[in-house]
């Protein structure tokens, strides 16, 4: 999550403000809406929530990445899609 925070810190603060505290990354968009990513240590997952959508990602040793438990993609791709939709331009994390 620290790596994602570093990427988000490069954005204009009028578009995105990101804060990381106690394993919870809050991404605030210019319109006031929030996307939250947090570690679920007991479940060994990372959860992502934005609006009415939520994803649970588990570490996949074979790919070396965090994959959605319902087969909806890896964390970087899903987060990139959320940011792209919210900012109305192509974003790659």
PDB file of N, CA and C in Angstrom:
ATOM      1  N   UNK A   1       0.810  -1.188   0.000  1.00  0.00           N
ATOM      2  CA  UNK A   1       0.000   0.000   0.000  1.00  0.00           C
ATOM      3  C   UNK A   1       0.859   1.260   0.000  1.00  0.00           C
ATOM      4  N   UNK A   2       2.038   1.156   0.553  1.00  0.00           N
ATOM      5  CA  UNK A   2       2.943   2.299   0.561  1.00  0.00           C
ATOM      6  C   UNK A   2       3.312   2.675  -0.866  1.00  0.00           C
ATOM      7  N   UNK A   3       3.524   1.682  -1.726  1.00  0.00           N
ATOM      8  CA  UNK A   3       3.838   1.958  -3.130  1.00  0.00           C
ATOM      9  C   UNK A   3       2.683   2.671  -3.816  1.00  0.00           C
ATOM     10  N   UNK A   4       1.462   2.251  -3.568  1.00  0.00           N
ATOM     11  CA  UNK A   4       0.283   2.885  -4.166  1.00  0.00           C
ATOM     12  C   UNK A   4       0.181   4.320  -3.668  1.00  0.00           C
ATOM     13  N   UNK A   5       0.421   4.533  -2.372  1.00  0.00           N
ATOM     14  CA  UNK A   5       0.381   5.888  -1.818  1.00  0.00           C
ATOM     15  C   UNK A   5       1.389   6.782  -2.525  1.00  0.00           C
ATOM     16  N   UNK A   6       2.582   6.274  -2.781  1.00  0.00           N
ATOM     17  CA  UNK A   6       3.599   7.046  -3.491  1.00  0.00           C
ATOM     18  C   UNK A   6       3.136   7.468  -4.874  1.00  0.00           C
ATOM     19  N   UNK A   7       2.476   6.576  -5.582  1.00  0.00           N
ATOM     20  CA  UNK A   7       1.951   6.902  -6.913  1.00  0.00           C
ATOM     21  C   UNK A   7       0.859   7.958  -6.796  1.00  0.00           C
ATOM     22  N   UNK A   8      -0.042   7.795  -5.841  1.00  0.00           N
ATOM     23  CA  UNK A   8      -1.166   8.716  -5.685  1.00  0.00           C
ATOM     24  C   UNK A   8      -0.717  10.102  -5.230  1.00  0.00           C
ATOM     25  N   UNK A   9       0.367  10.161  -4.466  1.00  0.00           N
ATOM     26  CA  UNK A   9       0.884  11.452  -4.009  1.00  0.00           C
ATOM     27  C   UNK A   9       1.338  12.336  -5.161  1.00  0.00           C
ATOM     28  N   UNK A  10       1.611  11.740  -6.318  1.00  0.00           N
ATOM     29  CA  UNK A  10       2.050  12.510  -7.484  1.00  0.00           C
ATOM     30  C   UNK A  10       0.888  13.217  -8.191  1.00  0.00           C
ATOM     31  N   UNK A  11      -0.349  12.859  -7.846  1.00  0.00           N
ATOM     32  CA  UNK A  11      -1.513  13.478  -8.479  1.00  0.00           C
ATOM     33  C   UNK A  11      -1.753  14.869  -7.904  1.00  0.00           C
ATOM     34  N   UNK A  12      -2.422  15.688  -8.688  1.00  0.00           N
ATOM     35  CA  UNK A  12      -2.849  17.006  -8.235  1.00  0.00           C
ATOM     36  C   UNK A  12      -3.795  16.820  -7.046  1.00  0.00           C
ATOM     37  N   UNK A  13      -3.538  17.492  -5.916  1.00  0.00           N
ATOM     38  CA  UNK A  13      -4.412  17.314  -4.752  1.00  0.00           C
ATOM     39  C   UNK A  13      -5.860  17.767  -4.979  1.00  0.00           C
ATOM     40  N   UNK A  14      -6.110  18.530  -6.027  1.00  0.00           N
ATOM     41  CA  UNK A  14      -7.492  18.878  -6.366  1.00  0.00           C
ATOM     42  C   UNK A  14      -8.226  17.682  -6.969  1.00  0.00           C
ATOM     43  N   UNK A  15      -7.461  16.691  -7.482  1.00  0.00           N
ATOM     44  CA  UNK A  15      -8.049  15.474  -8.057  1.00  0.00           C
ATOM     45  C   UNK A  15      -8.129  14.353  -7.034  1.00  0.00           C
ATOM     46  N   UNK A  16      -6.997  14.127  -6.350  1.00  0.00           N
ATOM     47  CA  UNK A  16      -6.877  13.003  -5.416  1.00  0.00           C
ATOM     48  C   UNK A  16      -6.047  13.425  -4.211  1.00  0.00           C
ATOM     49  N   UNK A  17      -6.539  13.066  -3.034  1.00  0.00           N
ATOM     50  CA  UNK A  17      -5.742  13.156  -1.817  1.00  0.00           C
ATOM     51  C   UNK A  17      -5.762  11.778  -1.186  1.00  0.00           C
ATOM     52  N   UNK A  18      -4.598  11.260  -0.861  1.00  0.00           N
ATOM     53  CA  UNK A  18      -4.502   9.911  -0.305  1.00  0.00           C
ATOM     54  C   UNK A  18      -3.812   9.959   1.055  1.00  0.00           C
ATOM     55  N   UNK A  19      -4.373   9.216   2.005  1.00  0.00           N
ATOM     56  CA  UNK A  19      -3.818   9.123   3.349  1.00  0.00           C
ATOM     57  C   UNK A  19      -3.736   7.661   3.746  1.00  0.00           C
ATOM     58  N   UNK A  20      -2.605   7.277   4.338  1.00  0.00           N
ATOM     59  CA  UNK A  20      -2.410   5.911   4.820  1.00  0.00           C
ATOM     60  C   UNK A  20      -2.229   5.956   6.330  1.00  0.00           C
ATOM     61  N   UNK A  21      -3.078   5.228   7.049  1.00  0.00           N
ATOM     62  CA  UNK A  21      -2.985   5.179   8.500  1.00  0.00           C
ATOM     63  C   UNK A  21      -3.474   3.820   8.982  1.00  0.00           C
ATOM     64  N   UNK A  22      -2.661   3.168   9.783  1.00  0.00           N
ATOM     65  CA  UNK A  22      -3.021   1.874  10.396  1.00  0.00           C
ATOM     66  C   UNK A  22      -3.480   0.848   9.364  1.00  0.00           C
ATOM     67  N   UNK A  23      -2.820   0.827   8.211  1.00  0.00           N
ATOM     68  CA  UNK A  23      -3.146  -0.163   7.193  1.00  0.00           C
ATOM     69  C   UNK A  23      -4.364   0.167   6.359  1.00  0.00           C
ATOM     70  N   UNK A  24      -4.893   1.387   6.498  1.00  0.00           N
ATOM     71  CA  UNK A  24      -6.058   1.812   5.721  1.00  0.00           C
ATOM     72  C   UNK A  24      -5.645   2.975   4.821  1.00  0.00           C
ATOM     73  N   UNK A  25      -5.812   2.792   3.517  1.00  0.00           N
ATOM     74  CA  UNK A  25      -5.512   3.828   2.540  1.00  0.00           C
ATOM     75  C   UNK A  25      -6.830   4.442   2.091  1.00  0.00           C
ATOM     76  N   UNK A  26      -7.009   5.731   2.391  1.00  0.00           N
ATOM     77  CA  UNK A  26      -8.208   6.450   1.964  1.00  0.00           C
ATOM     78  C   UNK A  26      -7.832   7.355   0.804  1.00  0.00           C
ATOM     79  N   UNK A  27      -8.574   7.209  -0.280  1.00  0.00           N
ATOM     80  CA  UNK A  27      -8.358   8.013  -1.477  1.00  0.00           C
ATOM     81  C   UNK A  27      -9.578   8.917  -1.627  1.00  0.00           C
ATOM     82  N   UNK A  28      -9.380  10.209  -1.469  1.00  0.00           N
ATOM     83  CA  UNK A  28     -10.472  11.179  -1.602  1.00  0.00           C
ATOM     84  C   UNK A  28     -10.362  11.850  -2.958  1.00  0.00           C
ATOM     85  N   UNK A  29     -11.459  11.862  -3.680  1.00  0.00           N
ATOM     86  CA  UNK A  29     -11.493  12.488  -4.993  1.00  0.00           C
ATOM     87  C   UNK A  29     -11.967  13.930  -4.863  1.00  0.00           C
ATOM     88  N   UNK A  30     -11.727  14.712  -5.895  1.00  0.00           N
ATOM     89  CA  UNK A  30     -12.087  16.118  -5.898  1.00  0.00           C
ATOM     90  C   UNK A  30     -13.552  16.388  -5.619  1.00  0.00           C
ATOM     91  N   UNK A  31     -14.415  15.422  -5.943  1.00  0.00           N
ATOM     92  CA  UNK A  31     -15.855  15.603  -5.704  1.00  0.00           C
ATOM     93  C   UNK A  31     -16.278  15.174  -4.297  1.00  0.00           C
ATOM     94  N   UNK A  32     -15.292  14.802  -3.468  1.00  0.00           N
ATOM     95  CA  UNK A  32     -15.583  14.415  -2.093  1.00  0.00           C
ATOM     96  C   UNK A  32     -15.824  12.940  -1.873  1.00  0.00           C
ATOM     97  N   UNK A  33     -15.970  12.153  -2.933  1.00  0.00           N
ATOM     98  CA  UNK A  33     -16.189  10.713  -2.789  1.00  0.00           C
ATOM     99  C   UNK A  33     -14.877  10.039  -2.372  1.00  0.00           C
ATOM    100  N   UNK A  34     -15.011   8.864  -1.751  1.00  0.00           N
ATOM    101  CA  UNK A  34     -13.862   8.182  -1.166  1.00  0.00           C
ATOM    102  C   UNK A  34     -13.781   6.738  -1.646  1.00  0.00           C
ATOM    103  N   UNK A  35     -12.566   6.285  -1.861  1.00  0.00           N
ATOM    104  CA  UNK A  35     -12.246   4.889  -2.157  1.00  0.00           C
ATOM    105  C   UNK A  35     -11.347   4.434  -1.004  1.00  0.00           C
ATOM    106  N   UNK A  36     -11.581   3.246  -0.467  1.00  0.00           N
ATOM    107  CA  UNK A  36     -10.815   2.764   0.682  1.00  0.00           C
ATOM    108  C   UNK A  36     -10.176   1.420   0.354  1.00  0.00           C
ATOM    109  N   UNK A  37      -8.884   1.311   0.672  1.00  0.00           N
ATOM    110  CA  UNK A  37      -8.159   0.048   0.543  1.00  0.00           C
ATOM    111  C   UNK A  37      -7.598  -0.271   1.923  1.00  0.00           C
ATOM    112  N   UNK A  38      -7.817  -1.503   2.389  1.00  0.00           N
ATOM    113  CA  UNK A  38      -7.249  -1.856   3.680  1.00  0.00           C
ATOM    114  C   UNK A  38      -6.818  -3.306   3.741  1.00  0.00           C
ATOM    115  N   UNK A  39      -5.835  -3.526   4.615  1.00  0.00           N
ATOM    116  CA  UNK A  39      -5.336  -4.875   4.849  1.00  0.00           C
ATOM    117  C   UNK A  39      -6.265  -5.592   5.813  1.00  0.00           C
ATOM    118  N   UNK A  40      -6.583  -6.804   5.494  1.00  0.00           N
ATOM    119  CA  UNK A  40      -7.345  -7.679   6.383  1.00  0.00           C
ATOM    120  C   UNK A  40      -6.384  -8.785   6.796  1.00  0.00           C
ATOM    121  N   UNK A  41      -5.613  -8.505   7.833  1.00  0.00           N
ATOM    122  CA  UNK A  41      -4.531  -9.396   8.249  1.00  0.00           C
ATOM    123  C   UNK A  41      -5.026 -10.790   8.587  1.00  0.00           C
ATOM    124  N   UNK A  42      -6.106 -10.883   9.333  1.00  0.00           N
ATOM    125  CA  UNK A  42      -6.616 -12.206   9.739  1.00  0.00           C
ATOM    126  C   UNK A  42      -7.006 -13.050   8.526  1.00  0.00           C
ATOM    127  N   UNK A  43      -7.580 -12.409   7.510  1.00  0.00           N
ATOM    128  CA  UNK A  43      -8.002 -13.126   6.300  1.00  0.00           C
ATOM    129  C   UNK A  43      -6.880 -13.203   5.269  1.00  0.00           C
ATOM    130  N   UNK A  44      -5.764 -12.543   5.535  1.00  0.00           N
ATOM    131  CA  UNK A  44      -4.630 -12.466   4.609  1.00  0.00           C
ATOM    132  C   UNK A  44      -5.091 -11.952   3.250  1.00  0.00           C
ATOM    133  N   UNK A  45      -5.828 -10.845   3.290  1.00  0.00           N
ATOM    134  CA  UNK A  45      -6.370 -10.241   2.078  1.00  0.00           C
ATOM    135  C   UNK A  45      -6.190  -8.731   2.114  1.00  0.00           C
ATOM    136  N   UNK A  46      -6.404  -8.130   0.960  1.00  0.00           N
ATOM    137  CA  UNK A  46      -6.534  -6.684   0.840  1.00  0.00           C
ATOM    138  C   UNK A  46      -7.932  -6.440   0.294  1.00  0.00           C
ATOM    139  N   UNK A  47      -8.655  -5.529   0.943  1.00  0.00           N
ATOM    140  CA  UNK A  47     -10.003  -5.195   0.509  1.00  0.00           C
ATOM    141  C   UNK A  47     -10.005  -3.805  -0.095  1.00  0.00           C
ATOM    142  N   UNK A  48     -10.795  -3.635  -1.139  1.00  0.00           N
ATOM    143  CA  UNK A  48     -10.938  -2.358  -1.819  1.00  0.00           C
ATOM    144  C   UNK A  48     -12.426  -2.065  -1.947  1.00  0.00           C
ATOM    145  N   UNK A  49     -12.831  -0.853  -1.604  1.00  0.00           N
ATOM    146  CA  UNK A  49     -14.233  -0.461  -1.718  1.00  0.00           C
ATOM    147  C   UNK A  49     -14.311   0.919  -2.358  1.00  0.00           C
ATOM    148  N   UNK A  50     -15.247   1.040  -3.298  1.00  0.00           N
ATOM    149  CA  UNK A  50     -15.482   2.323  -3.969  1.00  0.00           C
ATOM    150  C   UNK A  50     -16.943   2.369  -4.353  1.00  0.00           C
ATOM    151  N   UNK A  51     -17.651   3.359  -3.804  1.00  0.00           N
ATOM    152  CA  UNK A  51     -19.088   3.438  -4.069  1.00  0.00           C
ATOM    153  C   UNK A  51     -19.782   2.180  -3.576  1.00  0.00           C
ATOM    154  N   UNK A  52     -20.579   1.578  -4.425  1.00  0.00           N
ATOM    155  CA  UNK A  52     -21.314   0.362  -4.071  1.00  0.00           C
ATOM    156  C   UNK A  52     -20.540  -0.906  -4.435  1.00  0.00           C
ATOM    157  N   UNK A  53     -19.299  -0.772  -4.876  1.00  0.00           N
ATOM    158  CA  UNK A  53     -18.496  -1.927  -5.296  1.00  0.00           C
ATOM    159  C   UNK A  53     -17.427  -2.249  -4.263  1.00  0.00           C
ATOM    160  N   UNK A  54     -17.147  -3.552  -4.137  1.00  0.00           N
ATOM    161  CA  UNK A  54     -16.098  -3.997  -3.220  1.00  0.00           C
ATOM    162  C   UNK A  54     -15.396  -5.217  -3.795  1.00  0.00           C
ATOM    163  N   UNK A  55     -14.106  -5.322  -3.512  1.00  0.00           N
ATOM    164  CA  UNK A  55     -13.288  -6.423  -3.994  1.00  0.00           C
ATOM    165  C   UNK A  55     -12.468  -6.949  -2.821  1.00  0.00           C
ATOM    166  N   UNK A  56     -12.211  -8.258  -2.818  1.00  0.00           N
ATOM    167  CA  UNK A  56     -11.319  -8.892  -1.844  1.00  0.00           C
ATOM    168  C   UNK A  56     -10.202  -9.534  -2.654  1.00  0.00           C
ATOM    169  N   UNK A  57      -8.983  -9.195  -2.325  1.00  0.00           N
ATOM    170  CA  UNK A  57      -7.821  -9.711  -3.053  1.00  0.00           C
ATOM    171  C   UNK A  57      -6.990 -10.600  -2.136  1.00  0.00           C
ATOM    172  N   UNK A  58      -6.580 -11.744  -2.663  1.00  0.00           N
ATOM    173  CA  UNK A  58      -5.713 -12.669  -1.942  1.00  0.00           C
ATOM    174  C   UNK A  58      -4.406 -12.807  -2.720  1.00  0.00           C
ATOM    175  N   UNK A  59      -3.312 -13.000  -2.003  1.00  0.00           N
ATOM    176  CA  UNK A  59      -2.014 -13.150  -2.640  1.00  0.00           C
ATOM    177  C   UNK A  59      -1.969 -14.440  -3.445  1.00  0.00           C
ATOM    178  N   UNK A  60      -1.508 -14.329  -4.689  1.00  0.00           N
ATOM    179  CA  UNK A  60      -1.379 -15.489  -5.561  1.00  0.00           C
ATOM    180  C   UNK A  60       0.104 -15.721  -5.820  1.00  0.00           C
ATOM    181  N   UNK A  61       0.630 -16.776  -5.247  1.00  0.00           N
ATOM    182  CA  UNK A  61       2.059 -17.080  -5.367  1.00  0.00           C
ATOM    183  C   UNK A  61       2.471 -17.285  -6.826  1.00  0.00           C
ATOM    184  N   UNK A  62       1.615 -17.920  -7.606  1.00  0.00           N
ATOM    185  CA  UNK A  62       1.953 -18.233  -9.008  1.00  0.00           C
ATOM    186  C   UNK A  62       2.177 -16.978  -9.837  1.00  0.00           C
ATOM    187  N   UNK A  63       1.363 -15.944  -9.626  1.00  0.00           N
ATOM    188  CA  UNK A  63       1.500 -14.717 -10.420  1.00  0.00           C
ATOM    189  C   UNK A  63       2.299 -13.645  -9.690  1.00  0.00           C
ATOM    190  N   UNK A  64       2.490 -13.838  -8.381  1.00  0.00           N
ATOM    191  CA  UNK A  64       3.202 -12.833  -7.602  1.00  0.00           C
ATOM    192  C   UNK A  64       2.401 -11.549  -7.454  1.00  0.00           C
ATOM    193  N   UNK A  65       1.076 -11.686  -7.397  1.00  0.00           N
ATOM    194  CA  UNK A  65       0.233 -10.504  -7.271  1.00  0.00           C
ATOM    195  C   UNK A  65      -1.010 -10.780  -6.450  1.00  0.00           C
ATOM    196  N   UNK A  66      -1.746  -9.713  -6.176  1.00  0.00           N
ATOM    197  CA  UNK A  66      -2.996  -9.794  -5.429  1.00  0.00           C
ATOM    198  C   UNK A  66      -4.141  -9.959  -6.413  1.00  0.00           C
ATOM    199  N   UNK A  67      -4.846 -11.096  -6.338  1.00  0.00           N
ATOM    200  CA  UNK A  67      -5.935 -11.393  -7.267  1.00  0.00           C
ATOM    201  C   UNK A  67      -7.279 -11.365  -6.548  1.00  0.00           C
ATOM    202  N   UNK A  68      -8.285 -10.817  -7.219  1.00  0.00           N
ATOM    203  CA  UNK A  68      -9.633 -10.772  -6.674  1.00  0.00           C
ATOM    204  C   UNK A  68     -10.138 -12.195  -6.468  1.00  0.00           C
ATOM    205  N   UNK A  69     -10.758 -12.432  -5.335  1.00  0.00           N
ATOM    206  CA  UNK A  69     -11.222 -13.787  -5.006  1.00  0.00           C
ATOM    207  C   UNK A  69     -12.404 -14.231  -5.863  1.00  0.00           C
ATOM    208  N   UNK A  70     -13.026 -13.303  -6.595  1.00  0.00           N
ATOM    209  CA  UNK A  70     -14.132 -13.653  -7.489  1.00  0.00           C
ATOM    210  C   UNK A  70     -13.709 -13.607  -8.953  1.00  0.00           C
ATOM    211  N   UNK A  71     -12.396 -13.568  -9.196  1.00  0.00           N
ATOM    212  CA  UNK A  71     -11.889 -13.638 -10.565  1.00  0.00           C
ATOM    213  C   UNK A  71     -12.030 -12.372 -11.385  1.00  0.00           C
ATOM    214  N   UNK A  72     -12.122 -11.215 -10.718  1.00  0.00           N
ATOM    215  CA  UNK A  72     -12.325  -9.955 -11.444  1.00  0.00           C
ATOM    216  C   UNK A  72     -11.034  -9.199 -11.736  1.00  0.00           C
ATOM    217  N   UNK A  73      -9.900  -9.846 -11.563  1.00  0.00           N
ATOM    218  CA  UNK A  73      -8.634  -9.226 -11.933  1.00  0.00           C
ATOM    219  C   UNK A  73      -7.707  -8.994 -10.758  1.00  0.00           C
ATOM    220  N   UNK A  74      -6.537  -8.441 -11.083  1.00  0.00           N
ATOM    221  CA  UNK A  74      -5.566  -8.172 -10.033  1.00  0.00           C
ATOM    222  C   UNK A  74      -5.760  -6.766  -9.477  1.00  0.00           C
ATOM    223  N   UNK A  75      -5.200  -6.546  -8.317  1.00  0.00           N
ATOM    224  CA  UNK A  75      -5.392  -5.305  -7.582  1.00  0.00           C
ATOM    225  C   UNK A  75      -4.981  -4.087  -8.394  1.00  0.00           C
ATOM    226  N   UNK A  76      -3.832  -4.119  -9.025  1.00  0.00           N
ATOM    227  CA  UNK A  76      -3.364  -2.957  -9.799  1.00  0.00           C
ATOM    228  C   UNK A  76      -4.326  -2.620 -10.940  1.00  0.00           C
ATOM    229  N   UNK A  77      -4.800  -3.626 -11.632  1.00  0.00           N
ATOM    230  CA  UNK A  77      -5.715  -3.382 -12.747  1.00  0.00           C
ATOM    231  C   UNK A  77      -7.045  -2.817 -12.261  1.00  0.00           C
ATOM    232  N   UNK A  78      -7.586  -3.412 -11.205  1.00  0.00           N
ATOM    233  CA  UNK A  78      -8.868  -2.951 -10.682  1.00  0.00           C
ATOM    234  C   UNK A  78      -8.747  -1.523 -10.159  1.00  0.00           C
ATOM    235  N   UNK A  79      -7.687  -1.239  -9.400  1.00  0.00           N
ATOM    236  CA  UNK A  79      -7.499   0.115  -8.888  1.00  0.00           C
ATOM    237  C   UNK A  79      -7.304   1.102 -10.038  1.00  0.00           C
ATOM    238  N   UNK A  80      -6.565   0.715 -11.056  1.00  0.00           N
ATOM    239  CA  UNK A  80      -6.390   1.575 -12.232  1.00  0.00           C
ATOM    240  C   UNK A  80      -7.726   1.873 -12.899  1.00  0.00           C
ATOM    241  N   UNK A  81      -8.585   0.867 -12.994  1.00  0.00           N
ATOM    242  CA  UNK A  81      -9.911   1.067 -13.597  1.00  0.00           C
ATOM    243  C   UNK A  81     -10.773   2.010 -12.762  1.00  0.00           C
ATOM    244  N   UNK A  82     -10.720   1.858 -11.438  1.00  0.00           N
ATOM    245  CA  UNK A  82     -11.485   2.738 -10.550  1.00  0.00           C
ATOM    246  C   UNK A  82     -11.006   4.181 -10.727  1.00  0.00           C
ATOM    247  N   UNK A  83      -9.695   4.385 -10.681  1.00  0.00           N
ATOM    248  CA  UNK A  83      -9.149   5.734 -10.822  1.00  0.00           C
ATOM    249  C   UNK A  83      -9.457   6.315 -12.199  1.00  0.00           C
ATOM    250  N   UNK A  84      -9.330   5.508 -13.232  1.00  0.00           N
ATOM    251  CA  UNK A  84      -9.613   5.972 -14.600  1.00  0.00           C
ATOM    252  C   UNK A  84     -11.062   6.425 -14.727  1.00  0.00           C
ATOM    253  N   UNK A  85     -11.968   5.648 -14.164  1.00  0.00           N
ATOM    254  CA  UNK A  85     -13.385   5.998 -14.229  1.00  0.00           C
ATOM    255  C   UNK A  85     -13.667   7.276 -13.450  1.00  0.00           C
ATOM    256  N   UNK A  86     -13.103   7.377 -12.249  1.00  0.00           N
ATOM    257  CA  UNK A  86     -13.357   8.537 -11.400  1.00  0.00           C
ATOM    258  C   UNK A  86     -12.741   9.820 -11.966  1.00  0.00           C
ATOM    259  N   UNK A  87     -11.547   9.705 -12.583  1.00  0.00           N
ATOM    260  CA  UNK A  87     -10.851  10.888 -13.093  1.00  0.00           C
ATOM    261  C   UNK A  87     -11.115  11.151 -14.575  1.00  0.00           C
ATOM    262  N   UNK A  88     -11.839  10.230 -15.212  1.00  0.00           N
ATOM    263  CA  UNK A  88     -12.233  10.349 -16.612  1.00  0.00           C
ATOM    264  C   UNK A  88     -11.042  10.474 -17.563  1.00  0.00           C
ATOM    265  N   UNK A  89     -10.006   9.715 -17.249  1.00  0.00           N
ATOM    266  CA  UNK A  89      -8.854   9.573 -18.143  1.00  0.00           C
ATOM    267  C   UNK A  89      -8.111   8.294 -17.767  1.00  0.00           C
ATOM    268  N   UNK A  90      -7.295   7.805 -18.669  1.00  0.00           N
ATOM    269  CA  UNK A  90      -6.599   6.532 -18.450  1.00  0.00           C
ATOM    270  C   UNK A  90      -5.521   6.686 -17.365  1.00  0.00           C
ATOM    271  N   UNK A  91      -5.618   5.866 -16.345  1.00  0.00           N
ATOM    272  CA  UNK A  91      -4.655   5.836 -15.239  1.00  0.00           C
ATOM    273  C   UNK A  91      -4.116   4.409 -15.138  1.00  0.00           C
ATOM    274  N   UNK A  92      -2.802   4.288 -14.977  1.00  0.00           N
ATOM    275  CA  UNK A  92      -2.184   2.970 -14.782  1.00  0.00           C
ATOM    276  C   UNK A  92      -1.381   2.992 -13.487  1.00  0.00           C
ATOM    277  N   UNK A  93      -1.696   2.056 -12.617  1.00  0.00           N
ATOM    278  CA  UNK A  93      -0.971   1.930 -11.338  1.00  0.00           C
ATOM    279  C   UNK A  93       0.018   0.796 -11.462  1.00  0.00           C
TER     280      UNK A  93
END
